[in-house]
N, C-alpha and C. Protein backbone atom coordinates (compact mmCIF):
# COMPACT_ATOMS: atom_id res chain seq x y z
N UNK A 1 76.72 91.35 76.85
CA UNK A 1 77.27 90.28 78.08
C UNK A 1 78.26 89.23 77.90
N UNK A 2 77.39 88.41 77.10
CA UNK A 2 77.16 87.38 76.68
C UNK A 2 78.77 86.74 75.49
N UNK A 3 78.48 88.04 74.44
CA UNK A 3 79.24 87.54 73.33
C UNK A 3 80.82 87.21 73.49
N UNK A 4 81.46 87.51 74.71
CA UNK A 4 82.99 87.11 74.66
C UNK A 4 83.12 85.56 75.00
N UNK A 5 82.36 85.00 75.52
CA UNK A 5 82.03 83.35 75.95
C UNK A 5 82.15 82.41 74.88
N UNK A 6 81.02 82.95 74.01
CA UNK A 6 80.90 82.22 72.26
C UNK A 6 82.28 82.65 71.91
N UNK A 7 82.81 83.92 71.66
CA UNK A 7 84.04 83.89 70.73
C UNK A 7 85.47 82.75 71.32
N UNK A 8 85.21 83.17 72.66
CA UNK A 8 86.56 82.48 73.21
C UNK A 8 86.18 80.92 73.13
N UNK A 9 85.23 80.31 72.84
CA UNK A 9 84.84 79.03 72.67
C UNK A 9 85.46 78.84 71.64
N UNK A 10 84.61 79.13 69.95
CA UNK A 10 85.28 79.33 69.22
C UNK A 10 86.66 79.39 68.86
N UNK A 11 87.32 80.16 69.12
CA UNK A 11 88.38 80.57 69.50
C UNK A 11 89.22 79.11 69.75
N UNK A 12 89.17 78.64 70.82
CA UNK A 12 89.35 77.42 71.59
C UNK A 12 89.32 76.27 70.54
N UNK A 13 88.10 76.00 69.84
CA UNK A 13 87.32 75.19 69.51
C UNK A 13 88.44 75.21 67.91
N UNK A 14 89.13 76.26 67.09
CA UNK A 14 89.76 76.47 66.09
C UNK A 14 90.91 76.10 66.45
N UNK A 15 91.34 76.07 67.84
CA UNK A 15 92.93 75.83 68.51
C UNK A 15 92.85 74.39 68.66
N UNK A 16 92.01 73.89 68.83
CA UNK A 16 91.74 72.06 68.87
C UNK A 16 91.78 71.62 67.77
N UNK A 17 90.98 71.92 66.76
CA UNK A 17 90.80 71.68 65.34
C UNK A 17 92.21 71.71 64.72
N UNK A 18 92.67 72.78 65.08
CA UNK A 18 94.39 73.19 64.12
C UNK A 18 95.39 72.18 64.73
N UNK A 19 95.47 72.22 66.01
CA UNK A 19 96.42 71.14 66.44
C UNK A 19 95.73 69.38 66.26
N UNK A 20 94.75 69.10 65.87
CA UNK A 20 94.34 67.85 65.58
C UNK A 20 94.69 67.57 64.17
N UNK A 21 94.52 68.65 63.42
CA UNK A 21 95.32 68.20 61.90
C UNK A 21 96.63 68.45 61.86
N UNK A 22 97.37 69.28 62.73
CA UNK A 22 98.87 69.16 62.64
C UNK A 22 99.61 67.81 63.29
N UNK A 23 98.68 67.37 64.15
CA UNK A 23 99.07 66.20 65.01
C UNK A 23 98.85 65.17 63.82
N UNK A 24 97.77 65.31 62.87
CA UNK A 24 97.39 63.97 62.14
C UNK A 24 98.52 64.34 60.72
N UNK A 25 98.99 65.35 60.30
CA UNK A 25 99.78 65.16 59.44
C UNK A 25 101.11 65.20 59.76
N UNK A 26 101.60 65.30 61.15
CA UNK A 26 103.08 64.91 61.28
C UNK A 26 102.72 63.58 61.84
N UNK A 27 101.65 62.65 62.11
CA UNK A 27 101.61 61.33 61.91
C UNK A 27 101.54 60.23 60.66
N UNK A 28 101.13 61.48 59.84
CA UNK A 28 101.01 60.70 58.61
C UNK A 28 102.42 60.94 57.96
N UNK A 29 103.37 62.09 57.76
CA UNK A 29 104.72 62.00 57.60
C UNK A 29 105.71 61.00 58.41
N UNK A 30 105.37 61.02 59.33
CA UNK A 30 106.44 60.10 60.17
C UNK A 30 106.34 58.48 59.56
N UNK A 31 104.58 57.83 59.05
CA UNK A 31 104.45 56.67 58.80
C UNK A 31 104.93 56.68 57.76
N UNK A 32 104.94 58.16 56.46
CA UNK A 32 105.62 57.66 55.01
C UNK A 32 106.89 57.57 55.28
N UNK A 33 107.64 58.39 56.23
CA UNK A 33 108.96 58.14 56.28
C UNK A 33 109.86 57.34 56.58
N UNK A 34 108.85 56.49 57.38
CA UNK A 34 109.30 55.15 58.14
C UNK A 34 109.61 53.64 56.68
N UNK A 35 109.21 53.74 55.78
CA UNK A 35 109.36 53.24 54.83
C UNK A 35 110.22 53.57 53.86
N UNK A 36 111.61 53.57 54.73
CA UNK A 36 112.64 53.35 53.89
C UNK A 36 113.13 52.10 53.24
N UNK A 37 113.34 52.04 51.93
CA UNK A 37 114.14 50.86 51.66
C UNK A 37 115.07 51.07 50.50
N UNK A 38 116.11 50.11 50.90
CA UNK A 38 117.72 49.81 50.14
C UNK A 38 117.72 49.31 49.33
N UNK A 39 118.11 49.72 48.18
CA UNK A 39 118.39 48.66 46.65
C UNK A 39 119.38 48.14 46.94
N UNK A 40 119.32 46.57 46.86
CA UNK A 40 120.79 46.07 47.44
C UNK A 40 121.52 45.40 46.62
N UNK A 41 121.21 46.14 45.05
CA UNK A 41 122.07 46.00 44.13
C UNK A 41 122.74 47.27 43.82
N UNK A 42 122.94 48.15 44.39
CA UNK A 42 123.27 49.86 44.73
C UNK A 42 123.44 50.30 45.60
N UNK A 43 124.21 51.10 46.21
CA UNK A 43 124.29 51.88 47.35
C UNK A 43 122.90 53.18 47.29
N UNK A 44 122.53 53.46 46.29
CA UNK A 44 121.63 54.62 46.29
C UNK A 44 120.29 53.89 47.40
N UNK A 45 120.12 55.27 47.61
CA UNK A 45 118.97 55.44 48.76
C UNK A 45 117.23 55.48 48.00
N UNK A 46 116.79 54.73 48.41
CA UNK A 46 115.48 54.98 47.84
C UNK A 46 114.13 55.02 48.89
N UNK A 47 113.45 56.20 48.85
CA UNK A 47 112.63 56.11 49.90
C UNK A 47 111.18 56.51 49.15
N UNK A 48 110.45 56.26 50.11
CA UNK A 48 108.96 57.13 49.51
C UNK A 48 108.56 58.48 49.48
N UNK A 49 108.48 58.77 48.51
CA UNK A 49 108.42 60.48 48.45
C UNK A 49 107.47 61.07 49.43
N UNK A 50 107.13 62.02 49.74
CA UNK A 50 106.22 63.00 50.48
C UNK A 50 105.65 64.02 50.00
N UNK A 51 104.79 64.09 49.50
CA UNK A 51 104.06 65.24 49.07
C UNK A 51 104.31 66.28 50.17
N UNK A 52 103.80 67.69 49.44
CA UNK A 52 103.94 68.90 50.49
C UNK A 52 102.93 68.62 51.67
N UNK A 53 103.59 68.74 52.80
CA UNK A 53 102.66 68.87 54.05
C UNK A 53 102.96 69.90 54.35
N UNK A 54 102.03 70.82 55.25
CA UNK A 54 102.75 72.11 56.34
C UNK A 54 102.77 71.16 57.82
N UNK A 55 103.82 71.49 58.53
CA UNK A 55 103.68 71.36 60.15
C UNK A 55 104.18 72.48 60.16
N UNK A 56 103.93 72.38 61.55
CA UNK A 56 104.54 73.78 62.85
C UNK A 56 105.57 73.70 63.22
N UNK A 57 106.04 74.76 63.97
CA UNK A 57 107.76 74.12 64.18
C UNK A 57 107.98 73.31 64.96
N UNK A 58 107.34 73.18 66.05
CA UNK A 58 107.17 71.90 67.12
C UNK A 58 106.98 70.45 66.24
N UNK A 59 106.11 70.48 65.13
CA UNK A 59 105.98 69.27 64.17
C UNK A 59 107.27 68.86 63.34
N UNK A 60 107.66 70.02 62.90
CA UNK A 60 109.28 69.74 62.04
C UNK A 60 110.10 69.47 63.12
N UNK A 61 110.33 70.10 64.29
CA UNK A 61 111.20 69.57 65.08
C UNK A 61 111.20 67.69 65.34
N UNK A 62 109.75 67.78 65.88
CA UNK A 62 109.89 66.51 66.48
C UNK A 62 110.09 65.23 65.02
N UNK A 63 109.61 65.32 63.88
CA UNK A 63 109.76 64.49 62.89
C UNK A 63 111.03 64.49 62.47
N UNK A 64 112.01 65.60 62.70
CA UNK A 64 113.48 65.30 62.08
C UNK A 64 113.93 65.14 63.12
N UNK A 65 114.08 65.07 64.56
CA UNK A 65 114.15 63.73 65.39
C UNK A 65 114.22 62.42 65.64
N UNK A 66 113.09 61.94 64.78
CA UNK A 66 112.41 60.75 64.76
C UNK A 66 113.08 59.93 63.38
N UNK A 67 113.01 60.74 62.33
CA UNK A 67 113.64 60.36 61.12
C UNK A 67 114.93 59.34 60.95
N UNK A 68 116.13 59.93 61.81
CA UNK A 68 117.47 59.83 61.83
C UNK A 68 118.00 60.59 60.71
N UNK A 69 117.75 61.33 59.88
CA UNK A 69 118.51 62.33 59.12
C UNK A 69 118.34 63.51 59.05
N UNK A 70 119.28 64.34 59.12
CA UNK A 70 119.03 66.06 59.40
C UNK A 70 118.20 66.55 58.05
N UNK A 71 116.99 67.42 59.13
CA UNK A 71 116.41 68.01 58.26
C UNK A 71 116.68 70.06 58.22
N UNK A 72 117.54 70.34 57.51
CA UNK A 72 118.31 71.64 57.99
C UNK A 72 116.64 72.86 57.75
N UNK A 73 116.97 74.02 58.49
CA UNK A 73 116.27 74.86 58.32
C UNK A 73 116.69 76.06 58.92
N UNK A 74 115.96 77.18 58.93
CA UNK A 74 116.49 78.95 59.36
C UNK A 74 116.27 78.53 60.95
N UNK A 75 115.20 77.87 61.21
CA UNK A 75 114.46 78.36 62.66
C UNK A 75 113.08 78.68 62.54
N UNK A 76 112.81 78.98 63.17
CA UNK A 76 111.10 79.62 63.55
C UNK A 76 110.89 81.21 62.91
N UNK A 77 109.69 81.05 62.63
CA UNK A 77 109.02 82.15 62.14
C UNK A 77 107.69 82.50 62.69
N UNK A 78 107.51 83.75 63.56
CA UNK A 78 106.19 83.89 64.11
C UNK A 78 105.25 83.64 63.04
N UNK A 79 104.27 82.78 63.37
CA UNK A 79 102.65 82.56 62.89
C UNK A 79 102.77 81.65 61.08
N UNK A 80 104.17 81.29 61.29
CA UNK A 80 104.60 80.64 59.97
C UNK A 80 104.59 79.31 59.85
N UNK A 81 104.10 78.44 58.99
CA UNK A 81 103.99 77.11 58.77
C UNK A 81 105.23 76.93 57.87
N UNK A 82 105.08 75.46 58.04
CA UNK A 82 106.81 75.15 57.12
C UNK A 82 106.19 73.90 56.45
N UNK A 83 106.51 74.13 55.43
CA UNK A 83 106.19 73.19 54.16
C UNK A 83 107.32 72.07 53.92
N UNK A 84 107.12 70.56 54.26
CA UNK A 84 107.81 69.39 54.25
C UNK A 84 107.63 68.77 53.08
N UNK A 85 108.75 68.45 51.95
CA UNK A 85 108.27 67.99 51.09
C UNK A 85 109.63 67.02 50.77
N UNK A 86 109.26 65.49 50.34
CA UNK A 86 110.71 64.77 50.34
C UNK A 86 110.52 63.98 48.97
N UNK A 87 111.81 63.96 47.93
CA UNK A 87 112.07 63.52 47.13
C UNK A 87 112.19 61.86 47.13
N UNK A 88 111.89 61.23 46.50
CA UNK A 88 112.33 59.53 46.40
C UNK A 88 113.76 59.29 45.98
N UNK A 89 114.52 60.33 46.58
CA UNK A 89 115.75 59.90 46.74
C UNK A 89 116.87 60.34 48.02
N UNK A 90 115.69 60.97 48.72
CA UNK A 90 115.65 61.45 50.11
C UNK A 90 115.88 62.96 50.68
N UNK A 91 116.50 63.82 49.26
CA UNK A 91 116.27 65.18 49.44
C UNK A 91 115.02 65.54 50.06
N UNK A 92 114.86 66.54 50.90
CA UNK A 92 114.28 67.08 52.00
C UNK A 92 114.20 68.76 51.63
N UNK A 93 113.12 69.10 51.80
CA UNK A 93 112.47 70.55 50.98
C UNK A 93 111.60 71.25 51.98
N UNK A 94 112.25 72.10 52.90
CA UNK A 94 111.29 73.07 53.79
C UNK A 94 111.27 74.45 53.03
N UNK A 95 110.08 74.36 52.99
CA UNK A 95 109.52 75.91 52.69
C UNK A 95 108.83 76.49 53.62
N UNK A 96 109.23 77.93 53.69
CA UNK A 96 108.41 78.50 54.80
C UNK A 96 106.88 79.32 54.35
N UNK A 97 105.94 79.04 54.39
CA UNK A 97 104.96 79.64 54.19
C UNK A 97 104.25 80.76 55.41
N UNK A 98 103.73 81.84 54.97
CA UNK A 98 103.52 83.02 55.66
C UNK A 98 101.99 82.23 55.77
N UNK A 99 101.30 83.47 56.58
CA UNK A 99 100.15 82.93 56.98
C UNK A 99 99.03 83.44 55.67
N UNK A 100 98.26 82.18 55.93
CA UNK A 100 96.94 82.68 54.50
C UNK A 100 98.14 81.45 53.23
N UNK A 101 99.02 81.46 53.54
CA UNK A 101 99.50 80.46 52.25
C UNK A 101 99.55 78.71 52.44
N UNK A 102 98.97 77.95 51.73
CA UNK A 102 98.66 76.42 52.01
C UNK A 102 99.91 76.00 51.53
N UNK A 103 100.18 74.57 52.17
CA UNK A 103 101.23 73.54 51.54
C UNK A 103 100.82 73.30 50.16
N UNK A 104 101.94 73.30 49.50
CA UNK A 104 101.64 72.75 47.68
C UNK A 104 101.45 74.00 46.85
N UNK A 105 101.31 75.28 47.69
CA UNK A 105 100.70 76.26 47.30
C UNK A 105 101.82 76.67 45.67
N UNK A 106 101.53 77.01 44.62
CA UNK A 106 102.59 77.42 43.60
C UNK A 106 103.37 78.78 44.20
N UNK A 107 103.99 79.18 43.45
CA UNK A 107 105.23 79.94 43.32
C UNK A 107 106.47 80.01 44.05
N UNK A 108 107.55 81.02 43.80
CA UNK A 108 108.84 80.38 44.45
C UNK A 108 109.26 81.93 45.02
N UNK A 109 108.43 82.34 45.74
CA UNK A 109 108.80 83.39 46.44
C UNK A 109 108.82 83.67 48.04
N UNK A 110 109.57 82.31 48.62
CA UNK A 110 109.35 81.88 49.82
C UNK A 110 110.75 81.49 50.45
N UNK A 111 111.19 81.40 51.14
CA UNK A 111 112.79 81.04 51.75
C UNK A 111 112.29 79.51 51.94
N UNK A 112 113.30 78.81 51.01
CA UNK A 112 113.32 77.12 51.04
C UNK A 112 114.83 76.70 51.17
N UNK A 113 115.04 76.09 51.78
CA UNK A 113 115.93 74.97 52.18
C UNK A 113 115.98 73.88 52.38
N UNK A 114 116.94 73.42 51.35
CA UNK A 114 116.85 72.21 50.99
C UNK A 114 117.80 71.38 51.50
N UNK A 115 117.76 70.07 51.69
CA UNK A 115 118.81 69.03 52.28
C UNK A 115 119.48 67.52 51.47
N UNK A 116 120.11 68.01 51.18
CA UNK A 116 120.45 67.20 50.03
C UNK A 116 121.35 66.13 50.38
N UNK A 117 121.00 64.85 50.36
CA UNK A 117 122.00 63.53 50.58
C UNK A 117 123.12 63.59 49.65
N UNK A 118 124.23 63.53 50.34
CA UNK A 118 125.45 63.57 49.57
C UNK A 118 127.01 63.01 50.45
N UNK A 119 127.25 62.02 49.81
CA UNK A 119 128.38 61.60 50.52
C UNK A 119 129.89 62.57 50.51
N UNK A 120 130.44 63.03 51.16
CA UNK A 120 131.50 63.57 51.20
C UNK A 120 131.07 65.29 51.00
N UNK A 121 130.22 65.53 51.63
CA UNK A 121 129.41 67.25 50.93
C UNK A 121 130.48 68.35 51.19
N UNK A 122 131.51 68.44 52.24
CA UNK A 122 132.00 69.51 52.41
C UNK A 122 132.95 69.38 51.23
N UNK A 123 134.26 68.29 51.00
CA UNK A 123 134.76 67.81 50.29
C UNK A 123 134.45 68.41 48.67
N UNK A 124 133.08 67.86 48.09
CA UNK A 124 132.63 68.08 46.55
C UNK A 124 132.36 69.77 46.63
N UNK A 125 131.63 70.40 47.90
CA UNK A 125 131.55 71.85 47.62
C UNK A 125 132.87 72.52 47.59
N UNK A 126 133.86 72.63 48.23
CA UNK A 126 135.34 73.04 48.89
C UNK A 126 136.10 72.60 47.13
N UNK A 127 135.82 71.83 46.14
CA UNK A 127 136.30 71.69 45.04
C UNK A 127 135.55 72.72 44.06
N UNK A 128 134.63 72.67 44.40
CA UNK A 128 133.56 73.81 43.44
C UNK A 128 133.51 74.89 43.97
N UNK A 129 134.01 75.54 45.07
CA UNK A 129 134.16 76.77 45.33
C UNK A 129 135.87 77.13 45.12
N UNK A 130 136.58 76.19 44.85
CA UNK A 130 138.00 76.70 44.52
C UNK A 130 138.51 77.64 45.18
N UNK A 131 138.48 78.13 46.43
CA UNK A 131 138.80 79.15 46.85
C UNK A 131 137.95 80.01 47.48
N UNK A 132 136.92 80.53 46.69
CA UNK A 132 135.91 81.26 46.69
C UNK A 132 134.86 80.95 47.85
N UNK A 133 134.74 80.05 48.53
CA UNK A 133 133.83 79.96 49.39
C UNK A 133 133.88 80.97 50.95
N UNK A 134 132.76 80.93 51.55
CA UNK A 134 132.74 81.21 52.81
C UNK A 134 132.79 80.44 53.96
N UNK A 135 133.74 81.00 54.87
CA UNK A 135 133.59 79.89 56.06
C UNK A 135 132.34 80.47 57.00
N UNK A 136 131.84 79.26 57.56
CA UNK A 136 130.61 79.67 58.47
C UNK A 136 130.40 79.22 59.70
N UNK A 137 130.02 79.66 61.03
CA UNK A 137 129.98 78.71 62.19
C UNK A 137 130.00 77.36 62.02
N UNK A 138 130.01 76.65 62.89
CA UNK A 138 130.71 75.53 62.89
C UNK A 138 131.41 74.60 61.78
N UNK A 139 132.37 75.71 61.24
CA UNK A 139 133.42 74.39 60.60
C UNK A 139 133.11 74.27 59.06
N UNK A 140 131.65 75.04 58.84
CA UNK A 140 130.98 75.04 57.31
C UNK A 140 131.76 75.52 56.66
N UNK A 141 131.06 75.52 54.66
CA UNK A 141 131.18 76.05 53.76
C UNK A 141 130.42 76.32 53.08
N UNK A 142 130.36 77.92 52.52
CA UNK A 142 129.10 78.37 52.09
C UNK A 142 129.31 78.55 50.45
N UNK A 143 128.94 78.74 49.74
CA UNK A 143 129.44 79.08 48.19
C UNK A 143 127.76 79.74 47.33
N UNK A 144 127.74 81.04 47.04
CA UNK A 144 126.58 81.19 46.34
C UNK A 144 126.73 80.39 44.89
N UNK A 145 125.80 80.13 44.32
CA UNK A 145 125.44 78.90 43.30
C UNK A 145 125.99 79.90 42.31
N UNK A 146 126.85 79.45 41.74
CA UNK A 146 127.78 79.55 40.80
C UNK A 146 127.24 80.14 38.92
N UNK A 147 126.48 78.85 39.13
CA UNK A 147 125.40 79.03 38.10
C UNK A 147 124.07 80.23 37.92
N UNK A 148 123.38 79.80 38.97
CA UNK A 148 122.29 80.89 39.19
C UNK A 148 122.28 82.50 39.88
N UNK A 149 123.20 82.15 40.87
CA UNK A 149 123.32 83.28 41.51
C UNK A 149 122.28 83.45 42.63
N UNK A 150 121.59 82.49 42.39
CA UNK A 150 119.60 82.76 43.54
C UNK A 150 119.72 81.96 44.63
N UNK A 151 121.05 81.04 45.06
CA UNK A 151 120.96 80.36 46.39
C UNK A 151 122.36 80.45 46.68
N UNK A 152 122.16 79.96 47.95
CA UNK A 152 123.52 79.42 48.63
C UNK A 152 123.62 77.90 48.59
N UNK A 153 124.65 77.41 48.39
CA UNK A 153 125.09 75.79 48.92
C UNK A 153 126.01 75.81 50.38
N UNK A 154 125.41 75.28 50.99
CA UNK A 154 126.42 74.78 52.82
C UNK A 154 127.06 73.44 52.80
N UNK A 155 127.95 73.38 53.52
CA UNK A 155 127.80 72.00 53.52
C UNK A 155 129.14 71.82 55.20
N UNK A 156 128.99 70.75 55.78
CA UNK A 156 129.88 70.66 57.47
C UNK A 156 130.56 69.48 56.99
N UNK A 157 131.96 69.33 58.16
CA UNK A 157 132.66 68.77 58.26
C UNK A 157 131.80 67.49 58.60
N UNK A 158 132.36 66.19 58.16
CA UNK A 158 131.53 64.99 58.56
C UNK A 158 130.22 64.75 58.55
N UNK A 159 129.65 66.12 57.50
CA UNK A 159 128.09 65.11 57.67
C UNK A 159 127.33 65.66 56.02
N UNK A 160 127.13 64.24 55.90
CA UNK A 160 126.85 63.79 54.34
C UNK A 160 125.45 64.40 54.09
N UNK A 161 125.29 65.63 53.80
CA UNK A 161 124.14 66.14 53.27
C UNK A 161 124.61 67.54 52.76
N UNK A 162 124.23 67.96 51.31
CA UNK A 162 124.39 69.40 51.53
C UNK A 162 123.23 70.10 51.55
N UNK A 163 123.53 71.47 52.56
CA UNK A 163 122.13 72.37 52.51
C UNK A 163 122.41 73.34 51.10
N UNK A 164 121.00 73.98 50.79
CA UNK A 164 120.55 74.82 49.61
C UNK A 164 119.82 75.82 50.60
N UNK A 165 120.24 77.10 50.37
CA UNK A 165 119.13 77.86 50.98
C UNK A 165 119.15 78.94 49.69
N UNK A 166 118.08 79.06 49.49
CA UNK A 166 117.16 79.45 48.43
C UNK A 166 116.40 80.89 49.10
N UNK A 167 116.41 82.13 48.88
CA UNK A 167 115.31 82.94 48.98
C UNK A 167 115.27 83.94 47.77
N UNK A 168 113.81 84.77 48.02
CA UNK A 168 113.95 85.61 46.59
C UNK A 168 115.26 86.27 46.36
N UNK A 169 115.95 87.04 47.80
CA UNK A 169 116.96 87.91 48.00
C UNK A 169 118.23 86.87 48.11
N UNK A 170 119.06 86.65 47.18
CA UNK A 170 120.32 86.38 47.16
C UNK A 170 121.08 86.43 48.37
N UNK A 171 121.12 88.26 48.61
CA UNK A 171 121.62 88.83 49.58
C UNK A 171 121.18 88.20 51.22
N UNK A 172 120.40 87.70 51.31
CA UNK A 172 119.37 87.75 52.47
C UNK A 172 119.42 86.04 52.60
N UNK A 173 119.77 85.29 51.67
CA UNK A 173 119.90 83.84 51.56
C UNK A 173 121.66 83.45 51.99
N UNK A 174 122.35 84.63 51.94
CA UNK A 174 123.65 84.33 52.15
C UNK A 174 124.06 84.68 54.22
N UNK A 175 123.13 85.94 54.17
CA UNK A 175 122.99 86.58 55.40
C UNK A 175 122.54 85.18 56.34
N UNK A 176 121.45 84.84 56.30
CA UNK A 176 121.13 83.97 57.06
C UNK A 176 122.32 82.86 57.33
N UNK A 177 122.89 81.81 55.77
CA UNK A 177 123.88 80.83 55.78
C UNK A 177 125.04 81.22 57.35
N UNK A 178 125.56 82.66 56.63
CA UNK A 178 126.47 83.03 57.60
C UNK A 178 126.45 83.40 58.68
N UNK A 179 124.94 83.73 59.16
CA UNK A 179 124.82 83.74 60.49
C UNK A 179 124.78 82.87 61.64
N UNK A 180 124.77 81.45 60.90
CA UNK A 180 124.79 80.54 61.88
C UNK A 180 123.57 79.99 61.95
N UNK A 181 122.87 80.75 61.35
CA UNK A 181 120.87 80.11 61.57
C UNK A 181 120.33 79.00 61.02
N UNK A 182 121.19 78.37 60.07
CA UNK A 182 120.75 77.48 59.13
C UNK A 182 121.27 76.01 59.71
N UNK A 183 120.42 75.35 60.07
CA UNK A 183 121.04 73.71 61.10
C UNK A 183 119.99 72.75 61.18
N UNK A 184 119.89 71.47 61.67
CA UNK A 184 119.23 70.50 61.84
C UNK A 184 118.02 71.49 62.31
N UNK A 185 116.55 70.72 62.31
CA UNK A 185 115.81 71.35 63.01
C UNK A 185 115.80 70.31 64.25
N UNK A 186 116.59 69.45 64.09
CA UNK A 186 116.15 68.99 65.65
C UNK A 186 116.93 69.13 66.83
N UNK A 187 117.76 70.05 66.21
CA UNK A 187 119.26 70.45 67.21
C UNK A 187 118.36 71.83 68.13
N UNK A 188 119.34 72.51 68.69
CA UNK A 188 118.89 73.73 69.22
C UNK A 188 118.27 74.79 68.94
């Protein structure tokens, strides 16, 4: 008659421990993100890189709202974590991690959404597309990567970021982009 009670306590303990670890990872990510430095001799953005860190959907939304830079994703997936990595030039990568996969794990069989800093992103993508792009919700333009045919590039009007959506299936990447699911994590 007693076994259910200890099992419930153990489960609650694991939930509390996971919550504390997620909060600590989020706090560390925010602190790292705050150390943005602009090089006065050029307009190039230099930031402290962030090594892969796993966040919950709410942690990713919170971080995105705090940093003042969009972080694009395709919305939450049940039981997934979201690996955030940032390069020193400000580019951000979100990799969807299924249950049992840790941040930093090797492999390219996961959905990855990259947000690249790029002034005039829509104009640059339109030039590359040369009329071959696909219009997407929100006035954006999408283009299958012309070199590798493995990912889809996306840009929106008045947004100085280009988004790249990689999925092991390029057709799924294009479907995500054209559905309008790819959007800033801080949005609705």
